[in-house]
Amino acid sequence: MAQGSQKFKAQRPGASKKHQNKQKGPKKGGRIIAPKKAQVIQQQKLKKCLEVAIRNKIEHQVTQKASSSLHKPLTVVKGIEGKGNPAEARPGSSSK
């Protein structure tokens, strides 16, 4: 058998296999799995809303206690949340 050439099946010219360009490895971007029930979404929204309300209430109580114990009025300074020009928020960074 080693002396003869191998026999191949005849192929039609138009029936060649087409290779699809698939990405190898994991896809980019976040993975979001939709919940099966709408009730789960509603519970998550309620939980988030309650957490925000509780945090705001605690902050308010702390500022009230701090301002009552000081001789001069207390001023609360909130951080910059990206409003306005972003270059002003970060003076050390360059825009090159």
PDB file of N, CA and C in Angstrom:
ATOM      1  N   MET A   1       0.804  -1.188   0.000  1.00  0.00           N
ATOM      2  CA  MET A   1       0.000   0.000   0.000  1.00  0.00           C
ATOM      3  C   MET A   1       0.854   1.263   0.000  1.00  0.00           C
ATOM      4  N   ALA A   2       2.040   1.185   0.512  1.00  0.00           N
ATOM      5  CA  ALA A   2       2.862   2.364   0.615  1.00  0.00           C
ATOM      6  C   ALA A   2       3.369   2.821  -0.750  1.00  0.00           C
ATOM      7  N   GLN A   3       3.318   1.941  -1.747  1.00  0.00           N
ATOM      8  CA  GLN A   3       3.890   2.324  -3.025  1.00  0.00           C
ATOM      9  C   GLN A   3       2.955   3.177  -3.878  1.00  0.00           C
ATOM     10  N   GLY A   4       1.644   2.986  -3.780  1.00  0.00           N
ATOM     11  CA  GLY A   4       0.711   3.728  -4.635  1.00  0.00           C
ATOM     12  C   GLY A   4       0.330   5.077  -4.030  1.00  0.00           C
ATOM     13  N   SER A   5      -0.189   5.950  -4.863  1.00  0.00           N
ATOM     14  CA  SER A   5      -0.629   7.249  -4.359  1.00  0.00           C
ATOM     15  C   SER A   5      -2.003   7.099  -3.717  1.00  0.00           C
ATOM     16  N   GLN A   6      -2.322   7.989  -2.794  1.00  0.00           N
ATOM     17  CA  GLN A   6      -3.599   7.911  -2.096  1.00  0.00           C
ATOM     18  C   GLN A   6      -4.716   8.396  -3.004  1.00  0.00           C
ATOM     19  N   LYS A   7      -5.879   7.788  -2.841  1.00  0.00           N
ATOM     20  CA  LYS A   7      -7.038   8.167  -3.642  1.00  0.00           C
ATOM     21  C   LYS A   7      -7.907   9.114  -2.816  1.00  0.00           C
ATOM     22  N   PHE A   8      -8.330  10.206  -3.432  1.00  0.00           N
ATOM     23  CA  PHE A   8      -9.177  11.175  -2.763  1.00  0.00           C
ATOM     24  C   PHE A   8     -10.521  11.218  -3.454  1.00  0.00           C
ATOM     25  N   LYS A   9     -11.548  11.606  -2.711  1.00  0.00           N
ATOM     26  CA  LYS A   9     -12.869  11.755  -3.288  1.00  0.00           C
ATOM     27  C   LYS A   9     -12.888  12.981  -4.187  1.00  0.00           C
ATOM     28  N   ALA A  10     -13.627  12.899  -5.250  1.00  0.00           N
ATOM     29  CA  ALA A  10     -13.732  14.034  -6.169  1.00  0.00           C
ATOM     30  C   ALA A  10     -14.600  15.111  -5.539  1.00  0.00           C
ATOM     31  N   GLN A  11     -14.184  16.377  -5.670  1.00  0.00           N
ATOM     32  CA  GLN A  11     -14.934  17.491  -5.100  1.00  0.00           C
ATOM     33  C   GLN A  11     -15.413  18.400  -6.216  1.00  0.00           C
ATOM     34  N   ARG A  12     -16.606  18.914  -6.040  1.00  0.00           N
ATOM     35  CA  ARG A  12     -17.123  19.882  -6.992  1.00  0.00           C
ATOM     36  C   ARG A  12     -16.446  21.225  -6.731  1.00  0.00           C
ATOM     37  N   PRO A  13     -16.248  22.036  -7.765  1.00  0.00           N
ATOM     38  CA  PRO A  13     -15.556  23.308  -7.554  1.00  0.00           C
ATOM     39  C   PRO A  13     -16.341  24.298  -6.686  1.00  0.00           C
ATOM     40  N   GLY A  14     -17.686  24.280  -6.729  1.00  0.00           N
ATOM     41  CA  GLY A  14     -18.479  25.228  -5.955  1.00  0.00           C
ATOM     42  C   GLY A  14     -18.824  24.736  -4.564  1.00  0.00           C
ATOM     43  N   ALA A  15     -18.508  23.504  -4.242  1.00  0.00           N
ATOM     44  CA  ALA A  15     -18.910  22.920  -2.965  1.00  0.00           C
ATOM     45  C   ALA A  15     -17.776  22.930  -1.942  1.00  0.00           C
ATOM     46  N   SER A  16     -16.856  23.858  -2.062  1.00  0.00           N
ATOM     47  CA  SER A  16     -15.768  23.915  -1.087  1.00  0.00           C
ATOM     48  C   SER A  16     -16.311  24.437   0.242  1.00  0.00           C
ATOM     49  N   LYS A  17     -15.679  24.030   1.302  1.00  0.00           N
ATOM     50  CA  LYS A  17     -16.131  24.431   2.636  1.00  0.00           C
ATOM     51  C   LYS A  17     -15.804  25.902   2.866  1.00  0.00           C
ATOM     52  N   LYS A  18     -16.791  26.632   3.405  1.00  0.00           N
ATOM     53  CA  LYS A  18     -16.581  28.048   3.703  1.00  0.00           C
ATOM     54  C   LYS A  18     -16.257  28.176   5.183  1.00  0.00           C
ATOM     55  N   HIS A  19     -15.162  28.828   5.481  1.00  0.00           N
ATOM     56  CA  HIS A  19     -14.751  29.026   6.862  1.00  0.00           C
ATOM     57  C   HIS A  19     -15.341  30.332   7.370  1.00  0.00           C
ATOM     58  N   GLN A  20     -16.002  30.270   8.506  1.00  0.00           N
ATOM     59  CA  GLN A  20     -16.550  31.476   9.116  1.00  0.00           C
ATOM     60  C   GLN A  20     -15.488  32.102  10.000  1.00  0.00           C
ATOM     61  N   ASN A  21     -15.465  33.426  10.004  1.00  0.00           N
ATOM     62  CA  ASN A  21     -14.498  34.139  10.835  1.00  0.00           C
ATOM     63  C   ASN A  21     -15.056  34.268  12.237  1.00  0.00           C
ATOM     64  N   LYS A  22     -14.771  33.311  13.080  1.00  0.00           N
ATOM     65  CA  LYS A  22     -15.222  33.337  14.470  1.00  0.00           C
ATOM     66  C   LYS A  22     -14.091  33.843  15.341  1.00  0.00           C
ATOM     67  N   GLN A  23     -14.463  34.612  16.366  1.00  0.00           N
ATOM     68  CA  GLN A  23     -13.460  35.080  17.297  1.00  0.00           C
ATOM     69  C   GLN A  23     -13.083  33.941  18.225  1.00  0.00           C
ATOM     70  N   LYS A  24     -11.807  33.820  18.466  1.00  0.00           N
ATOM     71  CA  LYS A  24     -11.348  32.815  19.408  1.00  0.00           C
ATOM     72  C   LYS A  24     -11.277  33.437  20.782  1.00  0.00           C
ATOM     73  N   GLY A  25     -11.680  32.716  21.777  1.00  0.00           N
ATOM     74  CA  GLY A  25     -11.638  33.227  23.139  1.00  0.00           C
ATOM     75  C   GLY A  25     -12.956  33.889  23.523  1.00  0.00           C
ATOM     76  N   PRO A  26     -12.995  34.484  24.714  1.00  0.00           N
ATOM     77  CA  PRO A  26     -14.234  35.083  25.211  1.00  0.00           C
ATOM     78  C   PRO A  26     -14.559  36.392  24.491  1.00  0.00           C
ATOM     79  N   LYS A  27     -15.833  36.721  24.466  1.00  0.00           N
ATOM     80  CA  LYS A  27     -16.280  37.963  23.835  1.00  0.00           C
ATOM     81  C   LYS A  27     -16.039  39.131  24.767  1.00  0.00           C
ATOM     82  N   LYS A  28     -15.876  40.321  24.175  1.00  0.00           N
ATOM     83  CA  LYS A  28     -15.669  41.530  24.961  1.00  0.00           C
ATOM     84  C   LYS A  28     -16.998  42.026  25.497  1.00  0.00           C
ATOM     85  N   GLY A  29     -16.921  42.804  26.581  1.00  0.00           N
ATOM     86  CA  GLY A  29     -18.123  43.418  27.126  1.00  0.00           C
ATOM     87  C   GLY A  29     -18.656  42.659  28.323  1.00  0.00           C
ATOM     88  N   GLY A  30     -19.570  43.313  29.024  1.00  0.00           N
ATOM     89  CA  GLY A  30     -20.150  42.710  30.213  1.00  0.00           C
ATOM     90  C   GLY A  30     -21.205  41.686  29.876  1.00  0.00           C
ATOM     91  N   ARG A  31     -21.438  40.821  30.792  1.00  0.00           N
ATOM     92  CA  ARG A  31     -22.464  39.801  30.612  1.00  0.00           C
ATOM     93  C   ARG A  31     -23.650  40.139  31.497  1.00  0.00           C
ATOM     94  N   ILE A  32     -24.800  40.286  30.901  1.00  0.00           N
ATOM     95  CA  ILE A  32     -26.009  40.591  31.649  1.00  0.00           C
ATOM     96  C   ILE A  32     -26.989  39.453  31.428  1.00  0.00           C
ATOM     97  N   ILE A  33     -27.376  38.838  32.508  1.00  0.00           N
ATOM     98  CA  ILE A  33     -28.354  37.756  32.430  1.00  0.00           C
ATOM     99  C   ILE A  33     -29.684  38.319  32.890  1.00  0.00           C
ATOM    100  N   ALA A  34     -30.664  38.297  32.007  1.00  0.00           N
ATOM    101  CA  ALA A  34     -31.961  38.855  32.335  1.00  0.00           C
ATOM    102  C   ALA A  34     -32.675  37.944  33.328  1.00  0.00           C
ATOM    103  N   PRO A  35     -33.320  38.527  34.336  1.00  0.00           N
ATOM    104  CA  PRO A  35     -34.042  37.684  35.289  1.00  0.00           C
ATOM    105  C   PRO A  35     -35.277  37.064  34.646  1.00  0.00           C
ATOM    106  N   LYS A  36     -35.673  35.919  35.177  1.00  0.00           N
ATOM    107  CA  LYS A  36     -36.812  35.221  34.605  1.00  0.00           C
ATOM    108  C   LYS A  36     -38.129  35.877  34.984  1.00  0.00           C
ATOM    109  N   LYS A  37     -38.144  36.580  36.098  1.00  0.00           N
ATOM    110  CA  LYS A  37     -39.395  37.152  36.579  1.00  0.00           C
ATOM    111  C   LYS A  37     -39.256  38.656  36.738  1.00  0.00           C
ATOM    112  N   ALA A  38     -40.322  39.373  36.407  1.00  0.00           N
ATOM    113  CA  ALA A  38     -40.325  40.829  36.558  1.00  0.00           C
ATOM    114  C   ALA A  38     -40.349  41.226  38.025  1.00  0.00           C
ATOM    115  N   GLN A  39     -40.826  40.337  38.879  1.00  0.00           N
ATOM    116  CA  GLN A  39     -40.892  40.625  40.314  1.00  0.00           C
ATOM    117  C   GLN A  39     -39.490  40.794  40.898  1.00  0.00           C
ATOM    118  N   VAL A  40     -38.526  40.078  40.350  1.00  0.00           N
ATOM    119  CA  VAL A  40     -37.146  40.179  40.823  1.00  0.00           C
ATOM    120  C   VAL A  40     -36.603  41.580  40.545  1.00  0.00           C
ATOM    121  N   ILE A  41     -36.906  42.118  39.377  1.00  0.00           N
ATOM    122  CA  ILE A  41     -36.466  43.467  39.029  1.00  0.00           C
ATOM    123  C   ILE A  41     -37.077  44.475  39.989  1.00  0.00           C
ATOM    124  N   GLN A  42     -38.349  44.314  40.275  1.00  0.00           N
ATOM    125  CA  GLN A  42     -39.037  45.239  41.177  1.00  0.00           C
ATOM    126  C   GLN A  42     -38.431  45.183  42.582  1.00  0.00           C
ATOM    127  N   GLN A  43     -38.093  43.996  43.048  1.00  0.00           N
ATOM    128  CA  GLN A  43     -37.477  43.854  44.362  1.00  0.00           C
ATOM    129  C   GLN A  43     -36.103  44.516  44.402  1.00  0.00           C
ATOM    130  N   GLN A  44     -35.337  44.388  43.321  1.00  0.00           N
ATOM    131  CA  GLN A  44     -34.013  44.996  43.270  1.00  0.00           C
ATOM    132  C   GLN A  44     -34.111  46.518  43.297  1.00  0.00           C
ATOM    133  N   LYS A  45     -35.091  47.079  42.562  1.00  0.00           N
ATOM    134  CA  LYS A  45     -35.278  48.530  42.557  1.00  0.00           C
ATOM    135  C   LYS A  45     -35.669  49.028  43.942  1.00  0.00           C
ATOM    136  N   LEU A  46     -36.566  48.306  44.614  1.00  0.00           N
ATOM    137  CA  LEU A  46     -37.001  48.691  45.955  1.00  0.00           C
ATOM    138  C   LEU A  46     -35.830  48.633  46.936  1.00  0.00           C
ATOM    139  N   LYS A  47     -35.031  47.586  46.838  1.00  0.00           N
ATOM    140  CA  LYS A  47     -33.881  47.433  47.727  1.00  0.00           C
ATOM    141  C   LYS A  47     -32.892  48.577  47.531  1.00  0.00           C
ATOM    142  N   LYS A  48     -32.617  48.926  46.279  1.00  0.00           N
ATOM    143  CA  LYS A  48     -31.693  50.021  45.988  1.00  0.00           C
ATOM    144  C   LYS A  48     -32.228  51.341  46.523  1.00  0.00           C
ATOM    145  N   CYS A  49     -33.519  51.579  46.333  1.00  0.00           N
ATOM    146  CA  CYS A  49     -34.144  52.817  46.807  1.00  0.00           C
ATOM    147  C   CYS A  49     -34.071  52.909  48.327  1.00  0.00           C
ATOM    148  N   LEU A  50     -34.320  51.815  49.015  1.00  0.00           N
ATOM    149  CA  LEU A  50     -34.253  51.802  50.474  1.00  0.00           C
ATOM    150  C   LEU A  50     -32.826  52.039  50.975  1.00  0.00           C
ATOM    151  N   GLU A  51     -31.852  51.446  50.305  1.00  0.00           N
ATOM    152  CA  GLU A  51     -30.464  51.640  50.704  1.00  0.00           C
ATOM    153  C   GLU A  51     -30.062  53.110  50.582  1.00  0.00           C
ATOM    154  N   VAL A  52     -30.480  53.753  49.496  1.00  0.00           N
ATOM    155  CA  VAL A  52     -30.156  55.167  49.296  1.00  0.00           C
ATOM    156  C   VAL A  52     -30.830  56.015  50.362  1.00  0.00           C
ATOM    157  N   ALA A  53     -32.099  55.717  50.648  1.00  0.00           N
ATOM    158  CA  ALA A  53     -32.833  56.496  51.652  1.00  0.00           C
ATOM    159  C   ALA A  53     -32.202  56.348  53.031  1.00  0.00           C
ATOM    160  N   ILE A  54     -31.812  55.135  53.393  1.00  0.00           N
ATOM    161  CA  ILE A  54     -31.185  54.891  54.701  1.00  0.00           C
ATOM    162  C   ILE A  54     -29.848  55.621  54.797  1.00  0.00           C
ATOM    163  N   ARG A  55     -29.044  55.563  53.726  1.00  0.00           N
ATOM    164  CA  ARG A  55     -27.750  56.238  53.739  1.00  0.00           C
ATOM    165  C   ARG A  55     -27.909  57.754  53.868  1.00  0.00           C
ATOM    166  N   ASN A  56     -28.864  58.323  53.145  1.00  0.00           N
ATOM    167  CA  ASN A  56     -29.106  59.771  53.233  1.00  0.00           C
ATOM    168  C   ASN A  56     -29.572  60.169  54.628  1.00  0.00           C
ATOM    169  N   LYS A  57     -30.417  59.344  55.232  1.00  0.00           N
ATOM    170  CA  LYS A  57     -30.918  59.641  56.580  1.00  0.00           C
ATOM    171  C   LYS A  57     -29.778  59.617  57.591  1.00  0.00           C
ATOM    172  N   ILE A  58     -28.895  58.635  57.488  1.00  0.00           N
ATOM    173  CA  ILE A  58     -27.752  58.534  58.402  1.00  0.00           C
ATOM    174  C   ILE A  58     -26.832  59.736  58.232  1.00  0.00           C
ATOM    175  N   GLU A  59     -26.563  60.126  56.983  1.00  0.00           N
ATOM    176  CA  GLU A  59     -25.714  61.294  56.734  1.00  0.00           C
ATOM    177  C   GLU A  59     -26.336  62.547  57.341  1.00  0.00           C
ATOM    178  N   HIS A  60     -27.636  62.689  57.210  1.00  0.00           N
ATOM    179  CA  HIS A  60     -28.332  63.855  57.755  1.00  0.00           C
ATOM    180  C   HIS A  60     -28.222  63.881  59.286  1.00  0.00           C
ATOM    181  N   GLN A  61     -28.417  62.723  59.921  1.00  0.00           N
ATOM    182  CA  GLN A  61     -28.324  62.653  61.373  1.00  0.00           C
ATOM    183  C   GLN A  61     -26.915  62.968  61.862  1.00  0.00           C
ATOM    184  N   VAL A  62     -25.902  62.464  61.166  1.00  0.00           N
ATOM    185  CA  VAL A  62     -24.519  62.711  61.558  1.00  0.00           C
ATOM    186  C   VAL A  62     -24.195  64.193  61.436  1.00  0.00           C
ATOM    187  N   THR A  63     -24.623  64.822  60.355  1.00  0.00           N
ATOM    188  CA  THR A  63     -24.347  66.256  60.195  1.00  0.00           C
ATOM    189  C   THR A  63     -25.086  67.077  61.243  1.00  0.00           C
ATOM    190  N   GLN A  64     -26.291  66.659  61.625  1.00  0.00           N
ATOM    191  CA  GLN A  64     -27.030  67.379  62.665  1.00  0.00           C
ATOM    192  C   GLN A  64     -26.302  67.294  64.008  1.00  0.00           C
ATOM    193  N   LYS A  65     -25.827  66.101  64.363  1.00  0.00           N
ATOM    194  CA  LYS A  65     -25.099  65.931  65.627  1.00  0.00           C
ATOM    195  C   LYS A  65     -23.797  66.712  65.617  1.00  0.00           C
ATOM    196  N   ALA A  66     -23.098  66.684  64.479  1.00  0.00           N
ATOM    197  CA  ALA A  66     -21.818  67.389  64.389  1.00  0.00           C
ATOM    198  C   ALA A  66     -22.019  68.895  64.456  1.00  0.00           C
ATOM    199  N   SER A  67     -23.049  69.397  63.803  1.00  0.00           N
ATOM    200  CA  SER A  67     -23.274  70.850  63.802  1.00  0.00           C
ATOM    201  C   SER A  67     -23.758  71.339  65.160  1.00  0.00           C
ATOM    202  N   SER A  68     -24.476  70.498  65.911  1.00  0.00           N
ATOM    203  CA  SER A  68     -24.953  70.920  67.223  1.00  0.00           C
ATOM    204  C   SER A  68     -23.832  70.937  68.260  1.00  0.00           C
ATOM    205  N   SER A  69     -22.803  70.126  68.065  1.00  0.00           N
ATOM    206  CA  SER A  69     -21.715  70.066  69.041  1.00  0.00           C
ATOM    207  C   SER A  69     -20.641  71.120  68.789  1.00  0.00           C
ATOM    208  N   LEU A  70     -20.641  71.731  67.587  1.00  0.00           N
ATOM    209  CA  LEU A  70     -19.624  72.735  67.274  1.00  0.00           C
ATOM    210  C   LEU A  70     -20.107  74.138  67.641  1.00  0.00           C
ATOM    211  N   HIS A  71     -19.139  75.054  67.858  1.00  0.00           N
ATOM    212  CA  HIS A  71     -19.471  76.434  68.191  1.00  0.00           C
ATOM    213  C   HIS A  71     -19.869  77.233  66.956  1.00  0.00           C
ATOM    214  N   LYS A  72     -19.210  76.957  65.840  1.00  0.00           N
ATOM    215  CA  LYS A  72     -19.557  77.656  64.610  1.00  0.00           C
ATOM    216  C   LYS A  72     -20.342  76.716  63.693  1.00  0.00           C
ATOM    217  N   PRO A  73     -21.115  77.254  62.741  1.00  0.00           N
ATOM    218  CA  PRO A  73     -21.944  76.387  61.888  1.00  0.00           C
ATOM    219  C   PRO A  73     -21.095  75.472  61.000  1.00  0.00           C
ATOM    220  N   LEU A  74     -21.591  74.269  60.809  1.00  0.00           N
ATOM    221  CA  LEU A  74     -20.893  73.263  60.020  1.00  0.00           C
ATOM    222  C   LEU A  74     -21.307  73.399  58.557  1.00  0.00           C
ATOM    223  N   THR A  75     -20.343  73.394  57.641  1.00  0.00           N
ATOM    224  CA  THR A  75     -20.639  73.415  56.213  1.00  0.00           C
ATOM    225  C   THR A  75     -20.199  72.095  55.611  1.00  0.00           C
ATOM    226  N   VAL A  76     -21.089  71.448  54.886  1.00  0.00           N
ATOM    227  CA  VAL A  76     -20.801  70.161  54.270  1.00  0.00           C
ATOM    228  C   VAL A  76     -20.417  70.410  52.819  1.00  0.00           C
ATOM    229  N   VAL A  77     -19.239  69.928  52.431  1.00  0.00           N
ATOM    230  CA  VAL A  77     -18.751  70.083  51.065  1.00  0.00           C
ATOM    231  C   VAL A  77     -18.907  68.743  50.367  1.00  0.00           C
ATOM    232  N   LYS A  78     -19.668  68.724  49.282  1.00  0.00           N
ATOM    233  CA  LYS A  78     -19.848  67.489  48.520  1.00  0.00           C
ATOM    234  C   LYS A  78     -18.798  67.413  47.432  1.00  0.00           C
ATOM    235  N   GLY A  79     -18.396  66.199  47.058  1.00  0.00           N
ATOM    236  CA  GLY A  79     -17.370  65.992  46.048  1.00  0.00           C
ATOM    237  C   GLY A  79     -17.872  66.321  44.660  1.00  0.00           C
ATOM    238  N   ILE A  80     -16.929  66.526  43.738  1.00  0.00           N
ATOM    239  CA  ILE A  80     -17.268  66.809  42.340  1.00  0.00           C
ATOM    240  C   ILE A  80     -17.717  65.510  41.693  1.00  0.00           C
ATOM    241  N   GLU A  81     -18.860  65.542  41.011  1.00  0.00           N
ATOM    242  CA  GLU A  81     -19.414  64.341  40.387  1.00  0.00           C
ATOM    243  C   GLU A  81     -19.300  64.379  38.877  1.00  0.00           C
ATOM    244  N   GLY A  82     -18.256  65.003  38.343  1.00  0.00           N
ATOM    245  CA  GLY A  82     -18.055  65.017  36.906  1.00  0.00           C
ATOM    246  C   GLY A  82     -18.855  66.095  36.197  1.00  0.00           C
ATOM    247  N   LYS A  83     -19.369  67.083  36.919  1.00  0.00           N
ATOM    248  CA  LYS A  83     -20.119  68.154  36.289  1.00  0.00           C
ATOM    249  C   LYS A  83     -19.150  69.178  35.734  1.00  0.00           C
ATOM    250  N   GLY A  84     -19.490  69.762  34.604  1.00  0.00           N
ATOM    251  CA  GLY A  84     -18.649  70.795  34.012  1.00  0.00           C
ATOM    252  C   GLY A  84     -17.525  70.185  33.188  1.00  0.00           C
ATOM    253  N   ASN A  85     -16.401  70.872  33.171  1.00  0.00           N
ATOM    254  CA  ASN A  85     -15.250  70.445  32.400  1.00  0.00           C
ATOM    255  C   ASN A  85     -14.493  69.339  33.133  1.00  0.00           C
ATOM    256  N   PRO A  86     -14.289  68.169  32.507  1.00  0.00           N
ATOM    257  CA  PRO A  86     -13.585  67.086  33.200  1.00  0.00           C
ATOM    258  C   PRO A  86     -12.123  67.412  33.489  1.00  0.00           C
ATOM    259  N   ALA A  87     -11.514  68.350  32.751  1.00  0.00           N
ATOM    260  CA  ALA A  87     -10.123  68.718  33.011  1.00  0.00           C
ATOM    261  C   ALA A  87     -10.001  69.469  34.330  1.00  0.00           C
ATOM    262  N   GLU A  88     -11.038  70.189  34.730  1.00  0.00           N
ATOM    263  CA  GLU A  88     -11.015  70.903  35.996  1.00  0.00           C
ATOM    264  C   GLU A  88     -11.105  69.939  37.178  1.00  0.00           C
ATOM    265  N   ALA A  89     -11.785  68.817  36.987  1.00  0.00           N
ATOM    266  CA  ALA A  89     -11.948  67.851  38.067  1.00  0.00           C
ATOM    267  C   ALA A  89     -10.623  67.192  38.413  1.00  0.00           C
ATOM    268  N   ARG A  90      -9.764  66.967  37.407  1.00  0.00           N
ATOM    269  CA  ARG A  90      -8.481  66.329  37.630  1.00  0.00           C
ATOM    270  C   ARG A  90      -7.373  67.237  37.107  1.00  0.00           C
ATOM    271  N   PRO A  91      -6.839  68.121  37.952  1.00  0.00           N
ATOM    272  CA  PRO A  91      -5.826  69.060  37.467  1.00  0.00           C
ATOM    273  C   PRO A  91      -4.508  68.403  37.105  1.00  0.00           C
ATOM    274  N   GLY A  92      -4.178  67.243  37.660  1.00  0.00           N
ATOM    275  CA  GLY A  92      -2.895  66.585  37.392  1.00  0.00           C
ATOM    276  C   GLY A  92      -2.852  65.840  36.079  1.00  0.00           C
ATOM    277  N   SER A  93      -3.988  65.595  35.455  1.00  0.00           N
ATOM    278  CA  SER A  93      -4.011  64.816  34.233  1.00  0.00           C
ATOM    279  C   SER A  93      -3.946  65.726  33.023  1.00  0.00           C
ATOM    280  N   SER A  94      -3.326  65.262  31.961  1.00  0.00           N
ATOM    281  CA  SER A  94      -3.235  66.048  30.738  1.00  0.00           C
ATOM    282  C   SER A  94      -4.195  65.492  29.704  1.00  0.00           C
ATOM    283  N   SER A  95      -4.586  66.322  28.755  1.00  0.00           N
ATOM    284  CA  SER A  95      -5.564  65.904  27.749  1.00  0.00           C
ATOM    285  C   SER A  95      -4.889  65.653  26.405  1.00  0.00           C
ATOM    286  N   LYS A  96      -3.708  65.044  26.402  1.00  0.00           N
ATOM    287  CA  LYS A  96      -2.992  64.768  25.146  1.00  0.00           C
ATOM    288  C   LYS A  96      -3.434  63.471  24.558  1.00  0.00           C
TER     289      LYS A  96
END
